[in-house]
Amino acid sequence: MEQKRMEALREQLMPAVECKYDEFRLLGYDHVTIEQIWNCLCNKKWKKIDDEKKLYEFVNDILSLSIGEYMAFLTAESYRTQRSGEDNNLETILSELL
């Protein structure tokens, strides 16, 4: 999705994101952050959407985000970050050897 549109929508959607944040915290997930929820939505639910999507559809996506989807996203991001760090170290080691 276009970056400019997401920045414009962020302010409008923040009350719903905060509601989801509060819900996750009430369920006992104390390390949840609003930024992580937003990143999950942008990179998972809204990765491939058309320009005709309405505001109420975005709100529905936020409110229907499950803790399972959120945790799966965090796990995948953790693996991706970990893997990119390993690749950098391997490249550094190989360049030093060669």
PDB file of N, CA and C in Angstrom:
ATOM      1  N   MET A   1       0.840  -1.189   0.000  1.00  0.00           N
ATOM      2  CA  MET A   1       0.000   0.000   0.000  1.00  0.00           C
ATOM      3  C   MET A   1       0.877   1.242   0.000  1.00  0.00           C
ATOM      4  N   GLU A   2       0.366   2.276  -0.552  1.00  0.00           N
ATOM      5  CA  GLU A   2       1.116   3.518  -0.662  1.00  0.00           C
ATOM      6  C   GLU A   2       1.409   4.098   0.715  1.00  0.00           C
ATOM      7  N   GLN A   3       2.668   4.466   0.921  1.00  0.00           N
ATOM      8  CA  GLN A   3       3.131   4.970   2.214  1.00  0.00           C
ATOM      9  C   GLN A   3       2.396   6.232   2.648  1.00  0.00           C
ATOM     10  N   LYS A   4       2.155   7.131   1.714  1.00  0.00           N
ATOM     11  CA  LYS A   4       1.479   8.390   2.053  1.00  0.00           C
ATOM     12  C   LYS A   4       0.059   8.138   2.549  1.00  0.00           C
ATOM     13  N   ARG A   5      -0.631   7.199   1.910  1.00  0.00           N
ATOM     14  CA  ARG A   5      -2.000   6.899   2.338  1.00  0.00           C
ATOM     15  C   ARG A   5      -2.007   6.306   3.746  1.00  0.00           C
ATOM     16  N   MET A   6      -1.044   5.424   4.032  1.00  0.00           N
ATOM     17  CA  MET A   6      -0.995   4.813   5.355  1.00  0.00           C
ATOM     18  C   MET A   6      -0.689   5.851   6.434  1.00  0.00           C
ATOM     19  N   GLU A   7       0.153   6.801   6.128  1.00  0.00           N
ATOM     20  CA  GLU A   7       0.448   7.858   7.094  1.00  0.00           C
ATOM     21  C   GLU A   7      -0.793   8.698   7.374  1.00  0.00           C
ATOM     22  N   ALA A   8      -1.571   8.955   6.330  1.00  0.00           N
ATOM     23  CA  ALA A   8      -2.809   9.727   6.512  1.00  0.00           C
ATOM     24  C   ALA A   8      -3.839   8.934   7.304  1.00  0.00           C
ATOM     25  N   LEU A   9      -3.909   7.635   7.059  1.00  0.00           N
ATOM     26  CA  LEU A   9      -4.877   6.793   7.761  1.00  0.00           C
ATOM     27  C   LEU A   9      -4.484   6.526   9.209  1.00  0.00           C
ATOM     28  N   ARG A  10      -3.204   6.557   9.488  1.00  0.00           N
ATOM     29  CA  ARG A  10      -2.731   6.208  10.827  1.00  0.00           C
ATOM     30  C   ARG A  10      -3.426   7.037  11.910  1.00  0.00           C
ATOM     31  N   GLU A  11      -3.520   8.331  11.697  1.00  0.00           N
ATOM     32  CA  GLU A  11      -4.150   9.186  12.697  1.00  0.00           C
ATOM     33  C   GLU A  11      -5.625   8.822  12.885  1.00  0.00           C
ATOM     34  N   GLN A  12      -6.307   8.551  11.789  1.00  0.00           N
ATOM     35  CA  GLN A  12      -7.724   8.186  11.873  1.00  0.00           C
ATOM     36  C   GLN A  12      -7.918   6.831  12.540  1.00  0.00           C
ATOM     37  N   LEU A  13      -7.000   5.915  12.321  1.00  0.00           N
ATOM     38  CA  LEU A  13      -7.147   4.552  12.816  1.00  0.00           C
ATOM     39  C   LEU A  13      -6.585   4.337  14.221  1.00  0.00           C
ATOM     40  N   MET A  14      -5.850   5.302  14.728  1.00  0.00           N
ATOM     41  CA  MET A  14      -5.190   5.119  16.021  1.00  0.00           C
ATOM     42  C   MET A  14      -6.151   4.802  17.172  1.00  0.00           C
ATOM     43  N   PRO A  15      -7.346   5.367  17.253  1.00  0.00           N
ATOM     44  CA  PRO A  15      -8.249   4.958  18.343  1.00  0.00           C
ATOM     45  C   PRO A  15      -8.569   3.456  18.316  1.00  0.00           C
ATOM     46  N   ALA A  16      -8.740   2.887  17.144  1.00  0.00           N
ATOM     47  CA  ALA A  16      -9.013   1.447  17.039  1.00  0.00           C
ATOM     48  C   ALA A  16      -7.775   0.636  17.413  1.00  0.00           C
ATOM     49  N   VAL A  17      -6.593   1.105  17.012  1.00  0.00           N
ATOM     50  CA  VAL A  17      -5.347   0.411  17.363  1.00  0.00           C
ATOM     51  C   VAL A  17      -5.140   0.448  18.878  1.00  0.00           C
ATOM     52  N   GLU A  18      -5.428   1.577  19.486  1.00  0.00           N
ATOM     53  CA  GLU A  18      -5.311   1.690  20.942  1.00  0.00           C
ATOM     54  C   GLU A  18      -6.300   0.767  21.647  1.00  0.00           C
ATOM     55  N   CYS A  19      -7.472   0.612  21.086  1.00  0.00           N
ATOM     56  CA  CYS A  19      -8.466  -0.315  21.641  1.00  0.00           C
ATOM     57  C   CYS A  19      -7.934  -1.752  21.596  1.00  0.00           C
ATOM     58  N   LYS A  20      -7.327  -2.126  20.471  1.00  0.00           N
ATOM     59  CA  LYS A  20      -6.758  -3.472  20.330  1.00  0.00           C
ATOM     60  C   LYS A  20      -5.591  -3.656  21.295  1.00  0.00           C
ATOM     61  N   TYR A  21      -4.786  -2.610  21.458  1.00  0.00           N
ATOM     62  CA  TYR A  21      -3.671  -2.630  22.417  1.00  0.00           C
ATOM     63  C   TYR A  21      -4.205  -2.891  23.833  1.00  0.00           C
ATOM     64  N   ASP A  22      -5.237  -2.165  24.215  1.00  0.00           N
ATOM     65  CA  ASP A  22      -5.835  -2.354  25.537  1.00  0.00           C
ATOM     66  C   ASP A  22      -6.375  -3.769  25.710  1.00  0.00           C
ATOM     67  N   GLU A  23      -6.985  -4.292  24.659  1.00  0.00           N
ATOM     68  CA  GLU A  23      -7.521  -5.656  24.715  1.00  0.00           C
ATOM     69  C   GLU A  23      -6.404  -6.671  24.969  1.00  0.00           C
ATOM     70  N   PHE A  24      -5.320  -6.570  24.228  1.00  0.00           N
ATOM     71  CA  PHE A  24      -4.201  -7.498  24.401  1.00  0.00           C
ATOM     72  C   PHE A  24      -3.603  -7.372  25.800  1.00  0.00           C
ATOM     73  N   ARG A  25      -3.520  -6.153  26.308  1.00  0.00           N
ATOM     74  CA  ARG A  25      -2.984  -5.949  27.655  1.00  0.00           C
ATOM     75  C   ARG A  25      -3.913  -6.582  28.707  1.00  0.00           C
ATOM     76  N   LEU A  26      -5.214  -6.461  28.500  1.00  0.00           N
ATOM     77  CA  LEU A  26      -6.170  -7.074  29.435  1.00  0.00           C
ATOM     78  C   LEU A  26      -6.073  -8.600  29.416  1.00  0.00           C
ATOM     79  N   LEU A  27      -5.676  -9.146  28.281  1.00  0.00           N
ATOM     80  CA  LEU A  27      -5.499 -10.593  28.168  1.00  0.00           C
ATOM     81  C   LEU A  27      -4.185 -11.066  28.787  1.00  0.00           C
ATOM     82  N   GLY A  28      -3.371 -10.119  29.266  1.00  0.00           N
ATOM     83  CA  GLY A  28      -2.140 -10.477  29.956  1.00  0.00           C
ATOM     84  C   GLY A  28      -0.877 -10.355  29.125  1.00  0.00           C
ATOM     85  N   TYR A  29      -0.977  -9.818  27.940  1.00  0.00           N
ATOM     86  CA  TYR A  29       0.203  -9.635  27.089  1.00  0.00           C
ATOM     87  C   TYR A  29       0.775  -8.242  27.358  1.00  0.00           C
ATOM     88  N   ASP A  30       1.643  -8.177  28.365  1.00  0.00           N
ATOM     89  CA  ASP A  30       2.140  -6.886  28.855  1.00  0.00           C
ATOM     90  C   ASP A  30       3.211  -6.252  27.968  1.00  0.00           C
ATOM     91  N   HIS A  31       3.812  -7.027  27.086  1.00  0.00           N
ATOM     92  CA  HIS A  31       4.903  -6.492  26.262  1.00  0.00           C
ATOM     93  C   HIS A  31       4.439  -6.023  24.888  1.00  0.00           C
ATOM     94  N   VAL A  32       3.146  -5.974  24.692  1.00  0.00           N
ATOM     95  CA  VAL A  32       2.577  -5.498  23.431  1.00  0.00           C
ATOM     96  C   VAL A  32       2.809  -3.996  23.319  1.00  0.00           C
ATOM     97  N   THR A  33       3.117  -3.542  22.105  1.00  0.00           N
ATOM     98  CA  THR A  33       3.230  -2.098  21.887  1.00  0.00           C
ATOM     99  C   THR A  33       2.305  -1.693  20.737  1.00  0.00           C
ATOM    100  N   ILE A  34       1.903  -0.469  20.761  1.00  0.00           N
ATOM    101  CA  ILE A  34       1.047   0.062  19.701  1.00  0.00           C
ATOM    102  C   ILE A  34       1.781   0.012  18.364  1.00  0.00           C
ATOM    103  N   GLU A  35       3.068   0.323  18.400  1.00  0.00           N
ATOM    104  CA  GLU A  35       3.863   0.309  17.167  1.00  0.00           C
ATOM    105  C   GLU A  35       3.950  -1.095  16.564  1.00  0.00           C
ATOM    106  N   GLN A  36       4.095  -2.112  17.399  1.00  0.00           N
ATOM    107  CA  GLN A  36       4.140  -3.493  16.908  1.00  0.00           C
ATOM    108  C   GLN A  36       2.804  -3.904  16.306  1.00  0.00           C
ATOM    109  N   ILE A  37       1.723  -3.496  16.931  1.00  0.00           N
ATOM    110  CA  ILE A  37       0.402  -3.811  16.384  1.00  0.00           C
ATOM    111  C   ILE A  37       0.244  -3.140  15.028  1.00  0.00           C
ATOM    112  N   TRP A  38       0.644  -1.873  14.926  1.00  0.00           N
ATOM    113  CA  TRP A  38       0.545  -1.146  13.662  1.00  0.00           C
ATOM    114  C   TRP A  38       1.389  -1.831  12.579  1.00  0.00           C
ATOM    115  N   ASN A  39       2.614  -2.216  12.928  1.00  0.00           N
ATOM    116  CA  ASN A  39       3.484  -2.899  11.969  1.00  0.00           C
ATOM    117  C   ASN A  39       2.885  -4.234  11.526  1.00  0.00           C
ATOM    118  N   CYS A  40       2.282  -4.946  12.452  1.00  0.00           N
ATOM    119  CA  CYS A  40       1.629  -6.211  12.123  1.00  0.00           C
ATOM    120  C   CYS A  40       0.517  -5.983  11.109  1.00  0.00           C
ATOM    121  N   LEU A  41      -0.300  -5.001  11.366  1.00  0.00           N
ATOM    122  CA  LEU A  41      -1.404  -4.704  10.452  1.00  0.00           C
ATOM    123  C   LEU A  41      -0.897  -4.298   9.070  1.00  0.00           C
ATOM    124  N   CYS A  42       0.086  -3.407   9.045  1.00  0.00           N
ATOM    125  CA  CYS A  42       0.622  -2.920   7.764  1.00  0.00           C
ATOM    126  C   CYS A  42       1.308  -4.020   6.969  1.00  0.00           C
ATOM    127  N   ASN A  43       2.048  -4.880   7.654  1.00  0.00           N
ATOM    128  CA  ASN A  43       2.843  -5.890   6.966  1.00  0.00           C
ATOM    129  C   ASN A  43       2.135  -7.218   6.768  1.00  0.00           C
ATOM    130  N   LYS A  44       1.047  -7.439   7.479  1.00  0.00           N
ATOM    131  CA  LYS A  44       0.339  -8.704   7.358  1.00  0.00           C
ATOM    132  C   LYS A  44      -1.041  -8.527   6.718  1.00  0.00           C
ATOM    133  N   LYS A  45      -1.896  -7.796   7.364  1.00  0.00           N
ATOM    134  CA  LYS A  45      -3.275  -7.644   6.868  1.00  0.00           C
ATOM    135  C   LYS A  45      -3.383  -6.705   5.679  1.00  0.00           C
ATOM    136  N   TRP A  46      -2.546  -5.682   5.647  1.00  0.00           N
ATOM    137  CA  TRP A  46      -2.676  -4.661   4.604  1.00  0.00           C
ATOM    138  C   TRP A  46      -1.534  -4.694   3.604  1.00  0.00           C
ATOM    139  N   LYS A  47      -0.841  -5.790   3.541  1.00  0.00           N
ATOM    140  CA  LYS A  47       0.301  -5.889   2.626  1.00  0.00           C
ATOM    141  C   LYS A  47      -0.134  -5.738   1.175  1.00  0.00           C
ATOM    142  N   LYS A  48      -1.242  -6.367   0.829  1.00  0.00           N
ATOM    143  CA  LYS A  48      -1.746  -6.308  -0.543  1.00  0.00           C
ATOM    144  C   LYS A  48      -3.227  -5.948  -0.503  1.00  0.00           C
ATOM    145  N   ILE A  49      -3.501  -4.651  -0.605  1.00  0.00           N
ATOM    146  CA  ILE A  49      -4.889  -4.208  -0.638  1.00  0.00           C
ATOM    147  C   ILE A  49      -5.063  -3.195  -1.759  1.00  0.00           C
ATOM    148  N   ASP A  50      -6.298  -3.062  -2.161  1.00  0.00           N
ATOM    149  CA  ASP A  50      -6.566  -2.109  -3.243  1.00  0.00           C
ATOM    150  C   ASP A  50      -6.850  -0.718  -2.679  1.00  0.00           C
ATOM    151  N   ASP A  51      -6.864   0.246  -3.549  1.00  0.00           N
ATOM    152  CA  ASP A  51      -7.083   1.630  -3.133  1.00  0.00           C
ATOM    153  C   ASP A  51      -8.541   1.929  -2.813  1.00  0.00           C
ATOM    154  N   GLU A  52      -9.414   0.986  -3.050  1.00  0.00           N
ATOM    155  CA  GLU A  52     -10.846   1.186  -2.802  1.00  0.00           C
ATOM    156  C   GLU A  52     -11.272   0.780  -1.391  1.00  0.00           C
ATOM    157  N   LYS A  53     -10.342   0.301  -0.594  1.00  0.00           N
ATOM    158  CA  LYS A  53     -10.684  -0.151   0.759  1.00  0.00           C
ATOM    159  C   LYS A  53     -11.198   1.029   1.583  1.00  0.00           C
ATOM    160  N   LYS A  54     -12.300   0.822   2.242  1.00  0.00           N
ATOM    161  CA  LYS A  54     -12.968   1.865   3.030  1.00  0.00           C
ATOM    162  C   LYS A  54     -12.434   1.901   4.460  1.00  0.00           C
ATOM    163  N   LEU A  55     -12.648   3.032   5.120  1.00  0.00           N
ATOM    164  CA  LEU A  55     -12.179   3.216   6.484  1.00  0.00           C
ATOM    165  C   LEU A  55     -12.755   2.164   7.428  1.00  0.00           C
ATOM    166  N   TYR A  56     -14.022   1.850   7.293  1.00  0.00           N
ATOM    167  CA  TYR A  56     -14.636   0.868   8.181  1.00  0.00           C
ATOM    168  C   TYR A  56     -14.027  -0.524   7.990  1.00  0.00           C
ATOM    169  N   GLU A  57     -13.510  -0.807   6.803  1.00  0.00           N
ATOM    170  CA  GLU A  57     -12.851  -2.094   6.561  1.00  0.00           C
ATOM    171  C   GLU A  57     -11.498  -2.154   7.277  1.00  0.00           C
ATOM    172  N   PHE A  58     -10.790  -1.032   7.306  1.00  0.00           N
ATOM    173  CA  PHE A  58      -9.548  -0.962   8.067  1.00  0.00           C
ATOM    174  C   PHE A  58      -9.826  -1.172   9.555  1.00  0.00           C
ATOM    175  N   VAL A  59     -10.859  -0.508  10.058  1.00  0.00           N
ATOM    176  CA  VAL A  59     -11.219  -0.639  11.472  1.00  0.00           C
ATOM    177  C   VAL A  59     -11.592  -2.092  11.779  1.00  0.00           C
ATOM    178  N   ASN A  60     -12.335  -2.722  10.897  1.00  0.00           N
ATOM    179  CA  ASN A  60     -12.694  -4.124  11.089  1.00  0.00           C
ATOM    180  C   ASN A  60     -11.444  -5.008  11.138  1.00  0.00           C
ATOM    181  N   ASP A  61     -10.481  -4.737  10.267  1.00  0.00           N
ATOM    182  CA  ASP A  61      -9.229  -5.500  10.280  1.00  0.00           C
ATOM    183  C   ASP A  61      -8.512  -5.360  11.615  1.00  0.00           C
ATOM    184  N   ILE A  62      -8.510  -4.160  12.151  1.00  0.00           N
ATOM    185  CA  ILE A  62      -7.843  -3.915  13.433  1.00  0.00           C
ATOM    186  C   ILE A  62      -8.550  -4.666  14.549  1.00  0.00           C
ATOM    187  N   LEU A  63      -9.856  -4.497  14.619  1.00  0.00           N
ATOM    188  CA  LEU A  63     -10.608  -5.099  15.721  1.00  0.00           C
ATOM    189  C   LEU A  63     -10.689  -6.616  15.626  1.00  0.00           C
ATOM    190  N   SER A  64     -10.498  -7.169  14.433  1.00  0.00           N
ATOM    191  CA  SER A  64     -10.543  -8.619  14.274  1.00  0.00           C
ATOM    192  C   SER A  64      -9.169  -9.277  14.374  1.00  0.00           C
ATOM    193  N   LEU A  65      -8.118  -8.475  14.568  1.00  0.00           N
ATOM    194  CA  LEU A  65      -6.774  -9.033  14.726  1.00  0.00           C
ATOM    195  C   LEU A  65      -6.734  -9.897  15.983  1.00  0.00           C
ATOM    196  N   SER A  66      -6.359 -11.141  15.821  1.00  0.00           N
ATOM    197  CA  SER A  66      -6.306 -12.042  16.974  1.00  0.00           C
ATOM    198  C   SER A  66      -4.907 -12.052  17.573  1.00  0.00           C
ATOM    199  N   ILE A  67      -4.844 -12.463  18.814  1.00  0.00           N
ATOM    200  CA  ILE A  67      -3.546 -12.550  19.473  1.00  0.00           C
ATOM    201  C   ILE A  67      -2.674 -13.586  18.773  1.00  0.00           C
ATOM    202  N   GLY A  68      -3.283 -14.615  18.215  1.00  0.00           N
ATOM    203  CA  GLY A  68      -2.531 -15.634  17.479  1.00  0.00           C
ATOM    204  C   GLY A  68      -1.862 -15.070  16.238  1.00  0.00           C
ATOM    205  N   GLU A  69      -2.597 -14.254  15.483  1.00  0.00           N
ATOM    206  CA  GLU A  69      -2.024 -13.602  14.297  1.00  0.00           C
ATOM    207  C   GLU A  69      -0.882 -12.671  14.696  1.00  0.00           C
ATOM    208  N   TYR A  70      -1.120 -11.929  15.755  1.00  0.00           N
ATOM    209  CA  TYR A  70      -0.115 -10.982  16.232  1.00  0.00           C
ATOM    210  C   TYR A  70       1.159 -11.710  16.672  1.00  0.00           C
ATOM    211  N   MET A  71       1.007 -12.774  17.445  1.00  0.00           N
ATOM    212  CA  MET A  71       2.168 -13.516  17.933  1.00  0.00           C
ATOM    213  C   MET A  71       2.897 -14.211  16.782  1.00  0.00           C
ATOM    214  N   ALA A  72       2.160 -14.706  15.802  1.00  0.00           N
ATOM    215  CA  ALA A  72       2.791 -15.325  14.631  1.00  0.00           C
ATOM    216  C   ALA A  72       3.620 -14.289  13.877  1.00  0.00           C
ATOM    217  N   PHE A  73       3.093 -13.083  13.751  1.00  0.00           N
ATOM    218  CA  PHE A  73       3.829 -12.005  13.093  1.00  0.00           C
ATOM    219  C   PHE A  73       5.114 -11.689  13.854  1.00  0.00           C
ATOM    220  N   LEU A  74       5.020 -11.549  15.180  1.00  0.00           N
ATOM    221  CA  LEU A  74       6.202 -11.240  15.980  1.00  0.00           C
ATOM    222  C   LEU A  74       7.250 -12.347  15.879  1.00  0.00           C
ATOM    223  N   THR A  75       6.799 -13.585  15.869  1.00  0.00           N
ATOM    224  CA  THR A  75       7.720 -14.713  15.743  1.00  0.00           C
ATOM    225  C   THR A  75       8.435 -14.677  14.396  1.00  0.00           C
ATOM    226  N   ALA A  76       7.678 -14.450  13.326  1.00  0.00           N
ATOM    227  CA  ALA A  76       8.278 -14.376  11.987  1.00  0.00           C
ATOM    228  C   ALA A  76       9.259 -13.211  11.903  1.00  0.00           C
ATOM    229  N   GLU A  77       8.905 -12.068  12.467  1.00  0.00           N
ATOM    230  CA  GLU A  77       9.802 -10.915  12.464  1.00  0.00           C
ATOM    231  C   GLU A  77      11.069 -11.203  13.259  1.00  0.00           C
ATOM    232  N   SER A  78      10.917 -11.899  14.364  1.00  0.00           N
ATOM    233  CA  SER A  78      12.072 -12.248  15.180  1.00  0.00           C
ATOM    234  C   SER A  78      13.026 -13.154  14.405  1.00  0.00           C
ATOM    235  N   TYR A  79      12.479 -14.167  13.735  1.00  0.00           N
ATOM    236  CA  TYR A  79      13.305 -15.054  12.919  1.00  0.00           C
ATOM    237  C   TYR A  79      13.979 -14.286  11.787  1.00  0.00           C
ATOM    238  N   ARG A  80      13.227 -13.387  11.150  1.00  0.00           N
ATOM    239  CA  ARG A  80      13.769 -12.615  10.043  1.00  0.00           C
ATOM    240  C   ARG A  80      14.918 -11.718  10.519  1.00  0.00           C
ATOM    241  N   THR A  81      14.735 -11.078  11.651  1.00  0.00           N
ATOM    242  CA  THR A  81      15.773 -10.216  12.214  1.00  0.00           C
ATOM    243  C   THR A  81      16.995 -11.032  12.609  1.00  0.00           C
ATOM    244  N   GLN A  82      16.739 -12.153  13.248  1.00  0.00           N
ATOM    245  CA  GLN A  82      17.816 -13.028  13.678  1.00  0.00           C
ATOM    246  C   GLN A  82      18.603 -13.545  12.474  1.00  0.00           C
ATOM    247  N   ARG A  83      17.874 -13.918  11.467  1.00  0.00           N
ATOM    248  CA  ARG A  83      18.507 -14.466  10.266  1.00  0.00           C
ATOM    249  C   ARG A  83      19.334 -13.404   9.533  1.00  0.00           C
ATOM    250  N   SER A  84      18.829 -12.190   9.446  1.00  0.00           N
ATOM    251  CA  SER A  84      19.585 -11.140   8.771  1.00  0.00           C
ATOM    252  C   SER A  84      20.848 -10.805   9.550  1.00  0.00           C
ATOM    253  N   GLY A  85      20.793 -10.882  10.857  1.00  0.00           N
ATOM    254  CA  GLY A  85      21.980 -10.654  11.678  1.00  0.00           C
ATOM    255  C   GLY A  85      23.021 -11.728  11.465  1.00  0.00           C
ATOM    256  N   GLU A  86      22.583 -12.982  11.339  1.00  0.00           N
ATOM    257  CA  GLU A  86      23.504 -14.083  11.076  1.00  0.00           C
ATOM    258  C   GLU A  86      24.140 -13.940   9.710  1.00  0.00           C
ATOM    259  N   ASP A  87      23.356 -13.551   8.721  1.00  0.00           N
ATOM    260  CA  ASP A  87      23.880 -13.379   7.372  1.00  0.00           C
ATOM    261  C   ASP A  87      24.971 -12.325   7.354  1.00  0.00           C
ATOM    262  N   ASN A  88      24.761 -11.229   8.080  1.00  0.00           N
ATOM    263  CA  ASN A  88      25.757 -10.172   8.123  1.00  0.00           C
ATOM    264  C   ASN A  88      27.047 -10.667   8.760  1.00  0.00           C
ATOM    265  N   ASN A  89      26.921 -11.437   9.833  1.00  0.00           N
ATOM    266  CA  ASN A  89      28.106 -11.967  10.490  1.00  0.00           C
ATOM    267  C   ASN A  89      28.833 -12.943   9.581  1.00  0.00           C
ATOM    268  N   LEU A  90      28.115 -13.783   8.889  1.00  0.00           N
ATOM    269  CA  LEU A  90      28.719 -14.744   7.980  1.00  0.00           C
ATOM    270  C   LEU A  90      29.435 -14.024   6.847  1.00  0.00           C
ATOM    271  N   GLU A  91      28.812 -12.993   6.301  1.00  0.00           N
ATOM    272  CA  GLU A  91      29.446 -12.221   5.234  1.00  0.00           C
ATOM    273  C   GLU A  91      30.718 -11.547   5.728  1.00  0.00           C
ATOM    274  N   THR A  92      30.692 -11.038   6.942  1.00  0.00           N
ATOM    275  CA  THR A  92      31.868 -10.390   7.511  1.00  0.00           C
ATOM    276  C   THR A  92      32.994 -11.400   7.682  1.00  0.00           C
ATOM    277  N   ILE A  93      32.665 -12.558   8.209  1.00  0.00           N
ATOM    278  CA  ILE A  93      33.673 -13.607   8.418  1.00  0.00           C
ATOM    279  C   ILE A  93      34.268 -14.047   7.084  1.00  0.00           C
ATOM    280  N   LEU A  94      33.409 -14.259   6.086  1.00  0.00           N
ATOM    281  CA  LEU A  94      33.903 -14.684   4.777  1.00  0.00           C
ATOM    282  C   LEU A  94      34.774 -13.625   4.138  1.00  0.00           C
ATOM    283  N   SER A  95      34.397 -12.366   4.246  1.00  0.00           N
ATOM    284  CA  SER A  95      35.200 -11.306   3.653  1.00  0.00           C
ATOM    285  C   SER A  95      36.550 -11.194   4.351  1.00  0.00           C
ATOM    286  N   GLU A  96      36.599 -11.448   5.660  1.00  0.00           N
ATOM    287  CA  GLU A  96      37.873 -11.412   6.385  1.00  0.00           C
ATOM    288  C   GLU A  96      38.760 -12.575   5.992  1.00  0.00           C
ATOM    289  N   LEU A  97      38.155 -13.728   5.723  1.00  0.00           N
ATOM    290  CA  LEU A  97      38.919 -14.902   5.331  1.00  0.00           C
ATOM    291  C   LEU A  97      39.463 -14.789   3.917  1.00  0.00           C
ATOM    292  N   LEU A  98      38.715 -14.135   3.065  1.00  0.00           N
ATOM    293  CA  LEU A  98      39.136 -14.024   1.671  1.00  0.00           C
ATOM    294  C   LEU A  98      39.911 -12.769   1.511  1.00  0.00           C
TER     295      LEU A  98
END
